[in-house]
Amino acid sequence: MQVRLDAWLDAKAAAGPSAQQSVGAQLHRQPTPGSIESSERKLGDLSMNAIDMVKAIMVRARKADAEGDAAGCQSALAELDRDIGK
């Protein structure tokens, strides 16, 4: 599922708008996941609701998996599959 989620996010990012390179990027600083998310939110590439929804479902799936709850994990992953399949 992580591979499918990453592919979905990559496709959304590639289809969305772009922004100018930041000063930090020009100074050869590596972006952080937080700085990338912040930029994407500012551009409106993905709605805050979509990002928060994906995060919440993945947290539920990982928690269920860690607790040995296969049914809970599968249920969360099925929900995510339905949501990113839209």
PDB file of N, CA and C in Angstrom:
ATOM      1  N   MET A   1       0.820  -1.187   0.000  1.00  0.00           N
ATOM      2  CA  MET A   1       0.000   0.000   0.000  1.00  0.00           C
ATOM      3  C   MET A   1       0.865   1.252   0.000  1.00  0.00           C
ATOM      4  N   GLN A   2       2.000   1.206   0.703  1.00  0.00           N
ATOM      5  CA  GLN A   2       2.869   2.381   0.738  1.00  0.00           C
ATOM      6  C   GLN A   2       3.352   2.730  -0.668  1.00  0.00           C
ATOM      7  N   VAL A   3       3.649   1.728  -1.484  1.00  0.00           N
ATOM      8  CA  VAL A   3       4.097   1.971  -2.860  1.00  0.00           C
ATOM      9  C   VAL A   3       2.979   2.641  -3.658  1.00  0.00           C
ATOM     10  N   ARG A   4       1.737   2.140  -3.504  1.00  0.00           N
ATOM     11  CA  ARG A   4       0.595   2.746  -4.213  1.00  0.00           C
ATOM     12  C   ARG A   4       0.353   4.172  -3.730  1.00  0.00           C
ATOM     13  N   LEU A   5       0.457   4.384  -2.422  1.00  0.00           N
ATOM     14  CA  LEU A   5       0.260   5.718  -1.869  1.00  0.00           C
ATOM     15  C   LEU A   5       1.322   6.675  -2.394  1.00  0.00           C
ATOM     16  N   ASP A   6       2.566   6.240  -2.406  1.00  0.00           N
ATOM     17  CA  ASP A   6       3.650   7.080  -2.920  1.00  0.00           C
ATOM     18  C   ASP A   6       3.430   7.419  -4.397  1.00  0.00           C
ATOM     19  N   ALA A   7       2.994   6.429  -5.183  1.00  0.00           N
ATOM     20  CA  ALA A   7       2.730   6.659  -6.604  1.00  0.00           C
ATOM     21  C   ALA A   7       1.589   7.660  -6.784  1.00  0.00           C
ATOM     22  N   TRP A   8       0.550   7.537  -5.956  1.00  0.00           N
ATOM     23  CA  TRP A   8      -0.591   8.455  -6.024  1.00  0.00           C
ATOM     24  C   TRP A   8      -0.137   9.874  -5.701  1.00  0.00           C
ATOM     25  N   LEU A   9       0.656  10.015  -4.636  1.00  0.00           N
ATOM     26  CA  LEU A   9       1.150  11.334  -4.257  1.00  0.00           C
ATOM     27  C   LEU A   9       2.063  11.920  -5.327  1.00  0.00           C
ATOM     28  N   ASP A  10       2.931  11.078  -5.914  1.00  0.00           N
ATOM     29  CA  ASP A  10       3.817  11.543  -6.988  1.00  0.00           C
ATOM     30  C   ASP A  10       3.017  12.036  -8.186  1.00  0.00           C
ATOM     31  N   ALA A  11       1.961  11.296  -8.541  1.00  0.00           N
ATOM     32  CA  ALA A  11       1.120  11.696  -9.674  1.00  0.00           C
ATOM     33  C   ALA A  11       0.414  13.012  -9.388  1.00  0.00           C
ATOM     34  N   LYS A  12      -0.091  13.171  -8.160  1.00  0.00           N
ATOM     35  CA  LYS A  12      -0.743  14.423  -7.788  1.00  0.00           C
ATOM     36  C   LYS A  12       0.247  15.586  -7.842  1.00  0.00           C
ATOM     37  N   ALA A  13       1.452  15.362  -7.347  1.00  0.00           N
ATOM     38  CA  ALA A  13       2.473  16.413  -7.341  1.00  0.00           C
ATOM     39  C   ALA A  13       2.884  16.787  -8.763  1.00  0.00           C
ATOM     40  N   ALA A  14       3.032  15.794  -9.633  1.00  0.00           N
ATOM     41  CA  ALA A  14       3.447  16.058 -11.012  1.00  0.00           C
ATOM     42  C   ALA A  14       2.373  16.818 -11.786  1.00  0.00           C
ATOM     43  N   ALA A  15       1.120  16.583 -11.461  1.00  0.00           N
ATOM     44  CA  ALA A  15       0.028  17.229 -12.174  1.00  0.00           C
ATOM     45  C   ALA A  15      -0.289  18.619 -11.636  1.00  0.00           C
ATOM     46  N   GLY A  16       0.225  18.930 -10.465  1.00  0.00           N
ATOM     47  CA  GLY A  16      -0.118  20.195  -9.817  1.00  0.00           C
ATOM     48  C   GLY A  16       0.769  21.343 -10.244  1.00  0.00           C
ATOM     49  N   PRO A  17       0.505  22.511  -9.690  1.00  0.00           N
ATOM     50  CA  PRO A  17       1.290  23.707 -10.008  1.00  0.00           C
ATOM     51  C   PRO A  17       2.686  23.639  -9.398  1.00  0.00           C
ATOM     52  N   SER A  18       3.561  24.502  -9.864  1.00  0.00           N
ATOM     53  CA  SER A  18       4.915  24.546  -9.299  1.00  0.00           C
ATOM     54  C   SER A  18       5.170  25.944  -8.735  1.00  0.00           C
ATOM     55  N   ALA A  19       6.222  26.045  -7.965  1.00  0.00           N
ATOM     56  CA  ALA A  19       6.584  27.327  -7.354  1.00  0.00           C
ATOM     57  C   ALA A  19       8.061  27.587  -7.625  1.00  0.00           C
ATOM     58  N   GLN A  20       8.477  28.804  -7.375  1.00  0.00           N
ATOM     59  CA  GLN A  20       9.880  29.144  -7.566  1.00  0.00           C
ATOM     60  C   GLN A  20      10.729  28.485  -6.491  1.00  0.00           C
ATOM     61  N   GLN A  21      11.964  28.231  -6.829  1.00  0.00           N
ATOM     62  CA  GLN A  21      12.920  27.629  -5.904  1.00  0.00           C
ATOM     63  C   GLN A  21      13.175  28.583  -4.740  1.00  0.00           C
ATOM     64  N   SER A  22      13.211  28.037  -3.533  1.00  0.00           N
ATOM     65  CA  SER A  22      13.440  28.858  -2.345  1.00  0.00           C
ATOM     66  C   SER A  22      14.923  29.194  -2.194  1.00  0.00           C
ATOM     67  N   VAL A  23      15.203  30.163  -1.342  1.00  0.00           N
ATOM     68  CA  VAL A  23      16.592  30.522  -1.038  1.00  0.00           C
ATOM     69  C   VAL A  23      17.311  29.331  -0.424  1.00  0.00           C
ATOM     70  N   GLY A  24      16.632  28.612   0.478  1.00  0.00           N
ATOM     71  CA  GLY A  24      17.235  27.435   1.100  1.00  0.00           C
ATOM     72  C   GLY A  24      17.657  26.400   0.074  1.00  0.00           C
ATOM     73  N   ALA A  25      16.833  26.207  -0.948  1.00  0.00           N
ATOM     74  CA  ALA A  25      17.180  25.245  -1.994  1.00  0.00           C
ATOM     75  C   ALA A  25      18.384  25.727  -2.787  1.00  0.00           C
ATOM     76  N   GLN A  26      18.482  27.032  -2.997  1.00  0.00           N
ATOM     77  CA  GLN A  26      19.615  27.577  -3.736  1.00  0.00           C
ATOM     78  C   GLN A  26      20.914  27.451  -2.950  1.00  0.00           C
ATOM     79  N   LEU A  27      20.778  27.318  -1.631  1.00  0.00           N
ATOM     80  CA  LEU A  27      21.960  27.139  -0.785  1.00  0.00           C
ATOM     81  C   LEU A  27      22.275  25.663  -0.574  1.00  0.00           C
ATOM     82  N   HIS A  28      21.657  24.811  -1.390  1.00  0.00           N
ATOM     83  CA  HIS A  28      21.884  23.365  -1.381  1.00  0.00           C
ATOM     84  C   HIS A  28      21.437  22.695  -0.087  1.00  0.00           C
ATOM     85  N   ARG A  29      20.408  23.230   0.532  1.00  0.00           N
ATOM     86  CA  ARG A  29      19.832  22.586   1.715  1.00  0.00           C
ATOM     87  C   ARG A  29      18.799  21.581   1.263  1.00  0.00           C
ATOM     88  N   GLN A  30      18.778  20.441   1.908  1.00  0.00           N
ATOM     89  CA  GLN A  30      17.819  19.404   1.561  1.00  0.00           C
ATOM     90  C   GLN A  30      16.443  19.742   2.135  1.00  0.00           C
ATOM     91  N   PRO A  31      15.400  19.500   1.352  1.00  0.00           N
ATOM     92  CA  PRO A  31      14.062  19.750   1.887  1.00  0.00           C
ATOM     93  C   PRO A  31      13.698  18.712   2.945  1.00  0.00           C
ATOM     94  N   THR A  32      12.884  19.107   3.865  1.00  0.00           N
ATOM     95  CA  THR A  32      12.381  18.183   4.873  1.00  0.00           C
ATOM     96  C   THR A  32      10.965  17.781   4.478  1.00  0.00           C
ATOM     97  N   PRO A  33      10.459  16.674   4.988  1.00  0.00           N
ATOM     98  CA  PRO A  33       9.064  16.327   4.687  1.00  0.00           C
ATOM     99  C   PRO A  33       8.099  17.458   5.062  1.00  0.00           C
ATOM    100  N   GLY A  34       8.394  18.128   6.177  1.00  0.00           N
ATOM    101  CA  GLY A  34       7.534  19.232   6.603  1.00  0.00           C
ATOM    102  C   GLY A  34       7.571  20.416   5.650  1.00  0.00           C
ATOM    103  N   SER A  35       8.751  20.746   5.138  1.00  0.00           N
ATOM    104  CA  SER A  35       8.840  21.882   4.224  1.00  0.00           C
ATOM    105  C   SER A  35       8.171  21.558   2.882  1.00  0.00           C
ATOM    106  N   ILE A  36       8.266  20.306   2.459  1.00  0.00           N
ATOM    107  CA  ILE A  36       7.604  19.897   1.224  1.00  0.00           C
ATOM    108  C   ILE A  36       6.091  19.957   1.400  1.00  0.00           C
ATOM    109  N   GLU A  37       5.611  19.433   2.516  1.00  0.00           N
ATOM    110  CA  GLU A  37       4.174  19.463   2.788  1.00  0.00           C
ATOM    111  C   GLU A  37       3.669  20.896   2.862  1.00  0.00           C
ATOM    112  N   SER A  38       4.415  21.764   3.517  1.00  0.00           N
ATOM    113  CA  SER A  38       4.019  23.161   3.633  1.00  0.00           C
ATOM    114  C   SER A  38       3.917  23.810   2.255  1.00  0.00           C
ATOM    115  N   SER A  39       4.881  23.551   1.400  1.00  0.00           N
ATOM    116  CA  SER A  39       4.850  24.124   0.047  1.00  0.00           C
ATOM    117  C   SER A  39       3.662  23.603  -0.742  1.00  0.00           C
ATOM    118  N   GLU A  40       3.396  22.301  -0.625  1.00  0.00           N
ATOM    119  CA  GLU A  40       2.276  21.724  -1.363  1.00  0.00           C
ATOM    120  C   GLU A  40       0.949  22.295  -0.867  1.00  0.00           C
ATOM    121  N   ARG A  41       0.842  22.497   0.433  1.00  0.00           N
ATOM    122  CA  ARG A  41      -0.393  23.085   0.969  1.00  0.00           C
ATOM    123  C   ARG A  41      -0.577  24.511   0.453  1.00  0.00           C
ATOM    124  N   LYS A  42       0.519  25.284   0.399  1.00  0.00           N
ATOM    125  CA  LYS A  42       0.426  26.664  -0.080  1.00  0.00           C
ATOM    126  C   LYS A  42       0.012  26.719  -1.542  1.00  0.00           C
ATOM    127  N   LEU A  43       0.490  25.762  -2.330  1.00  0.00           N
ATOM    128  CA  LEU A  43       0.153  25.723  -3.742  1.00  0.00           C
ATOM    129  C   LEU A  43      -1.255  25.189  -3.988  1.00  0.00           C
ATOM    130  N   GLY A  44      -1.819  24.554  -2.973  1.00  0.00           N
ATOM    131  CA  GLY A  44      -3.138  23.975  -3.152  1.00  0.00           C
ATOM    132  C   GLY A  44      -3.105  22.688  -3.936  1.00  0.00           C
ATOM    133  N   ASP A  45      -1.929  22.059  -4.027  1.00  0.00           N
ATOM    134  CA  ASP A  45      -1.783  20.831  -4.793  1.00  0.00           C
ATOM    135  C   ASP A  45      -2.670  19.730  -4.226  1.00  0.00           C
ATOM    136  N   LEU A  46      -2.652  19.574  -2.939  1.00  0.00           N
ATOM    137  CA  LEU A  46      -3.531  18.632  -2.255  1.00  0.00           C
ATOM    138  C   LEU A  46      -4.236  19.402  -1.152  1.00  0.00           C
ATOM    139  N   SER A  47      -5.489  19.140  -0.989  1.00  0.00           N
ATOM    140  CA  SER A  47      -6.201  19.843   0.066  1.00  0.00           C
ATOM    141  C   SER A  47      -5.699  19.380   1.425  1.00  0.00           C
ATOM    142  N   MET A  48      -5.821  20.239   2.410  1.00  0.00           N
ATOM    143  CA  MET A  48      -5.424  19.867   3.767  1.00  0.00           C
ATOM    144  C   MET A  48      -6.233  18.669   4.230  1.00  0.00           C
ATOM    145  N   ASN A  49      -7.487  18.611   3.838  1.00  0.00           N
ATOM    146  CA  ASN A  49      -8.323  17.482   4.227  1.00  0.00           C
ATOM    147  C   ASN A  49      -7.791  16.171   3.649  1.00  0.00           C
ATOM    148  N   ALA A  50      -7.356  16.192   2.394  1.00  0.00           N
ATOM    149  CA  ALA A  50      -6.839  14.974   1.761  1.00  0.00           C
ATOM    150  C   ALA A  50      -5.564  14.512   2.448  1.00  0.00           C
ATOM    151  N   ILE A  51      -4.677  15.431   2.736  1.00  0.00           N
ATOM    152  CA  ILE A  51      -3.413  15.085   3.395  1.00  0.00           C
ATOM    153  C   ILE A  51      -3.685  14.538   4.788  1.00  0.00           C
ATOM    154  N   ASP A  52      -4.534  15.229   5.535  1.00  0.00           N
ATOM    155  CA  ASP A  52      -4.849  14.791   6.895  1.00  0.00           C
ATOM    156  C   ASP A  52      -5.566  13.445   6.894  1.00  0.00           C
ATOM    157  N   MET A  53      -6.432  13.211   5.905  1.00  0.00           N
ATOM    158  CA  MET A  53      -7.152  11.956   5.800  1.00  0.00           C
ATOM    159  C   MET A  53      -6.172  10.806   5.568  1.00  0.00           C
ATOM    160  N   VAL A  54      -5.251  10.987   4.635  1.00  0.00           N
ATOM    161  CA  VAL A  54      -4.270   9.945   4.334  1.00  0.00           C
ATOM    162  C   VAL A  54      -3.414   9.657   5.563  1.00  0.00           C
ATOM    163  N   LYS A  55      -2.956  10.697   6.227  1.00  0.00           N
ATOM    164  CA  LYS A  55      -2.133  10.511   7.431  1.00  0.00           C
ATOM    165  C   LYS A  55      -2.886   9.743   8.504  1.00  0.00           C
ATOM    166  N   ALA A  56      -4.137  10.130   8.744  1.00  0.00           N
ATOM    167  CA  ALA A  56      -4.929   9.477   9.788  1.00  0.00           C
ATOM    168  C   ALA A  56      -5.159   8.001   9.487  1.00  0.00           C
ATOM    169  N   ILE A  57      -5.449   7.690   8.250  1.00  0.00           N
ATOM    170  CA  ILE A  57      -5.680   6.289   7.887  1.00  0.00           C
ATOM    171  C   ILE A  57      -4.398   5.480   8.020  1.00  0.00           C
ATOM    172  N   MET A  58      -3.278   6.037   7.591  1.00  0.00           N
ATOM    173  CA  MET A  58      -2.016   5.307   7.701  1.00  0.00           C
ATOM    174  C   MET A  58      -1.633   5.100   9.168  1.00  0.00           C
ATOM    175  N   VAL A  59      -1.900   6.080  10.020  1.00  0.00           N
ATOM    176  CA  VAL A  59      -1.633   5.922  11.457  1.00  0.00           C
ATOM    177  C   VAL A  59      -2.476   4.772  12.006  1.00  0.00           C
ATOM    178  N   ARG A  60      -3.759   4.736  11.620  1.00  0.00           N
ATOM    179  CA  ARG A  60      -4.631   3.649  12.087  1.00  0.00           C
ATOM    180  C   ARG A  60      -4.129   2.291  11.603  1.00  0.00           C
ATOM    181  N   ALA A  61      -3.729   2.215  10.350  1.00  0.00           N
ATOM    182  CA  ALA A  61      -3.255   0.947   9.797  1.00  0.00           C
ATOM    183  C   ALA A  61      -1.977   0.489  10.497  1.00  0.00           C
ATOM    184  N   ARG A  62      -1.049   1.402  10.694  1.00  0.00           N
ATOM    185  CA  ARG A  62       0.213   1.043  11.349  1.00  0.00           C
ATOM    186  C   ARG A  62       0.000   0.655  12.812  1.00  0.00           C
ATOM    187  N   LYS A  63      -0.898   1.352  13.488  1.00  0.00           N
ATOM    188  CA  LYS A  63      -1.199   1.032  14.889  1.00  0.00           C
ATOM    189  C   LYS A  63      -1.823  -0.358  14.980  1.00  0.00           C
ATOM    190  N   ALA A  64      -2.786  -0.633  14.119  1.00  0.00           N
ATOM    191  CA  ALA A  64      -3.433  -1.948  14.121  1.00  0.00           C
ATOM    192  C   ALA A  64      -2.409  -3.039  13.821  1.00  0.00           C
ATOM    193  N   ASP A  65      -1.522  -2.781  12.866  1.00  0.00           N
ATOM    194  CA  ASP A  65      -0.492  -3.767  12.524  1.00  0.00           C
ATOM    195  C   ASP A  65       0.433  -4.016  13.707  1.00  0.00           C
ATOM    196  N   ALA A  66       0.844  -2.955  14.383  1.00  0.00           N
ATOM    197  CA  ALA A  66       1.741  -3.089  15.536  1.00  0.00           C
ATOM    198  C   ALA A  66       1.083  -3.861  16.675  1.00  0.00           C
ATOM    199  N   GLU A  67      -0.235  -3.748  16.773  1.00  0.00           N
ATOM    200  CA  GLU A  67      -0.970  -4.437  17.827  1.00  0.00           C
ATOM    201  C   GLU A  67      -1.397  -5.849  17.422  1.00  0.00           C
ATOM    202  N   GLY A  68      -1.014  -6.259  16.210  1.00  0.00           N
ATOM    203  CA  GLY A  68      -1.381  -7.591  15.737  1.00  0.00           C
ATOM    204  C   GLY A  68      -2.837  -7.695  15.308  1.00  0.00           C
ATOM    205  N   ASP A  69      -3.478  -6.572  15.059  1.00  0.00           N
ATOM    206  CA  ASP A  69      -4.877  -6.532  14.635  1.00  0.00           C
ATOM    207  C   ASP A  69      -4.938  -6.534  13.114  1.00  0.00           C
ATOM    208  N   ALA A  70      -4.855  -7.723  12.532  1.00  0.00           N
ATOM    209  CA  ALA A  70      -4.837  -7.844  11.071  1.00  0.00           C
ATOM    210  C   ALA A  70      -6.119  -7.305  10.443  1.00  0.00           C
ATOM    211  N   ALA A  71      -7.260  -7.574  11.051  1.00  0.00           N
ATOM    212  CA  ALA A  71      -8.532  -7.107  10.496  1.00  0.00           C
ATOM    213  C   ALA A  71      -8.605  -5.580  10.510  1.00  0.00           C
ATOM    214  N   GLY A  72      -8.171  -4.967  11.596  1.00  0.00           N
ATOM    215  CA  GLY A  72      -8.168  -3.510  11.681  1.00  0.00           C
ATOM    216  C   GLY A  72      -7.226  -2.884  10.671  1.00  0.00           C
ATOM    217  N   CYS A  73      -6.068  -3.492  10.511  1.00  0.00           N
ATOM    218  CA  CYS A  73      -5.087  -3.009   9.537  1.00  0.00           C
ATOM    219  C   CYS A  73      -5.654  -3.113   8.125  1.00  0.00           C
ATOM    220  N   GLN A  74      -6.216  -4.270   7.795  1.00  0.00           N
ATOM    221  CA  GLN A  74      -6.775  -4.478   6.460  1.00  0.00           C
ATOM    222  C   GLN A  74      -7.943  -3.522   6.196  1.00  0.00           C
ATOM    223  N   SER A  75      -8.757  -3.271   7.224  1.00  0.00           N
ATOM    224  CA  SER A  75      -9.881  -2.355   7.074  1.00  0.00           C
ATOM    225  C   SER A  75      -9.392  -0.947   6.754  1.00  0.00           C
ATOM    226  N   ALA A  76      -8.377  -0.483   7.479  1.00  0.00           N
ATOM    227  CA  ALA A  76      -7.818   0.853   7.226  1.00  0.00           C
ATOM    228  C   ALA A  76      -7.204   0.927   5.834  1.00  0.00           C
ATOM    229  N   LEU A  77      -6.488  -0.114   5.439  1.00  0.00           N
ATOM    230  CA  LEU A  77      -5.860  -0.116   4.116  1.00  0.00           C
ATOM    231  C   LEU A  77      -6.915  -0.151   3.008  1.00  0.00           C
ATOM    232  N   ALA A  78      -7.999  -0.867   3.222  1.00  0.00           N
ATOM    233  CA  ALA A  78      -9.083  -0.908   2.238  1.00  0.00           C
ATOM    234  C   ALA A  78      -9.722   0.477   2.100  1.00  0.00           C
ATOM    235  N   GLU A  79      -9.876   1.168   3.224  1.00  0.00           N
ATOM    236  CA  GLU A  79     -10.427   2.531   3.193  1.00  0.00           C
ATOM    237  C   GLU A  79      -9.506   3.449   2.399  1.00  0.00           C
ATOM    238  N   LEU A  80      -8.221   3.348   2.654  1.00  0.00           N
ATOM    239  CA  LEU A  80      -7.254   4.173   1.926  1.00  0.00           C
ATOM    240  C   LEU A  80      -7.280   3.838   0.442  1.00  0.00           C
ATOM    241  N   ASP A  81      -7.357   2.560   0.126  1.00  0.00           N
ATOM    242  CA  ASP A  81      -7.413   2.116  -1.272  1.00  0.00           C
ATOM    243  C   ASP A  81      -8.611   2.747  -1.977  1.00  0.00           C
ATOM    244  N   ARG A  82      -9.756   2.771  -1.310  1.00  0.00           N
ATOM    245  CA  ARG A  82     -10.960   3.391  -1.898  1.00  0.00           C
ATOM    246  C   ARG A  82     -10.742   4.883  -2.092  1.00  0.00           C
ATOM    247  N   ASP A  83     -10.137   5.530  -1.105  1.00  0.00           N
ATOM    248  CA  ASP A  83      -9.967   6.987  -1.184  1.00  0.00           C
ATOM    249  C   ASP A  83      -8.966   7.425  -2.235  1.00  0.00           C
ATOM    250  N   ILE A  84      -7.865   6.722  -2.390  1.00  0.00           N
ATOM    251  CA  ILE A  84      -6.874   7.152  -3.385  1.00  0.00           C
ATOM    252  C   ILE A  84      -7.230   6.644  -4.776  1.00  0.00           C
ATOM    253  N   GLY A  85      -8.174   5.722  -4.856  1.00  0.00           N
ATOM    254  CA  GLY A  85      -8.617   5.234  -6.152  1.00  0.00           C
ATOM    255  C   GLY A  85      -9.555   6.191  -6.856  1.00  0.00           C
ATOM    256  N   LYS A  86      -9.989   7.248  -6.170  1.00  0.00           N
ATOM    257  CA  LYS A  86     -10.929   8.209  -6.759  1.00  0.00           C
ATOM    258  C   LYS A  86     -10.269   9.051  -7.810  1.00  0.00           C
TER     259      LYS A  86
END
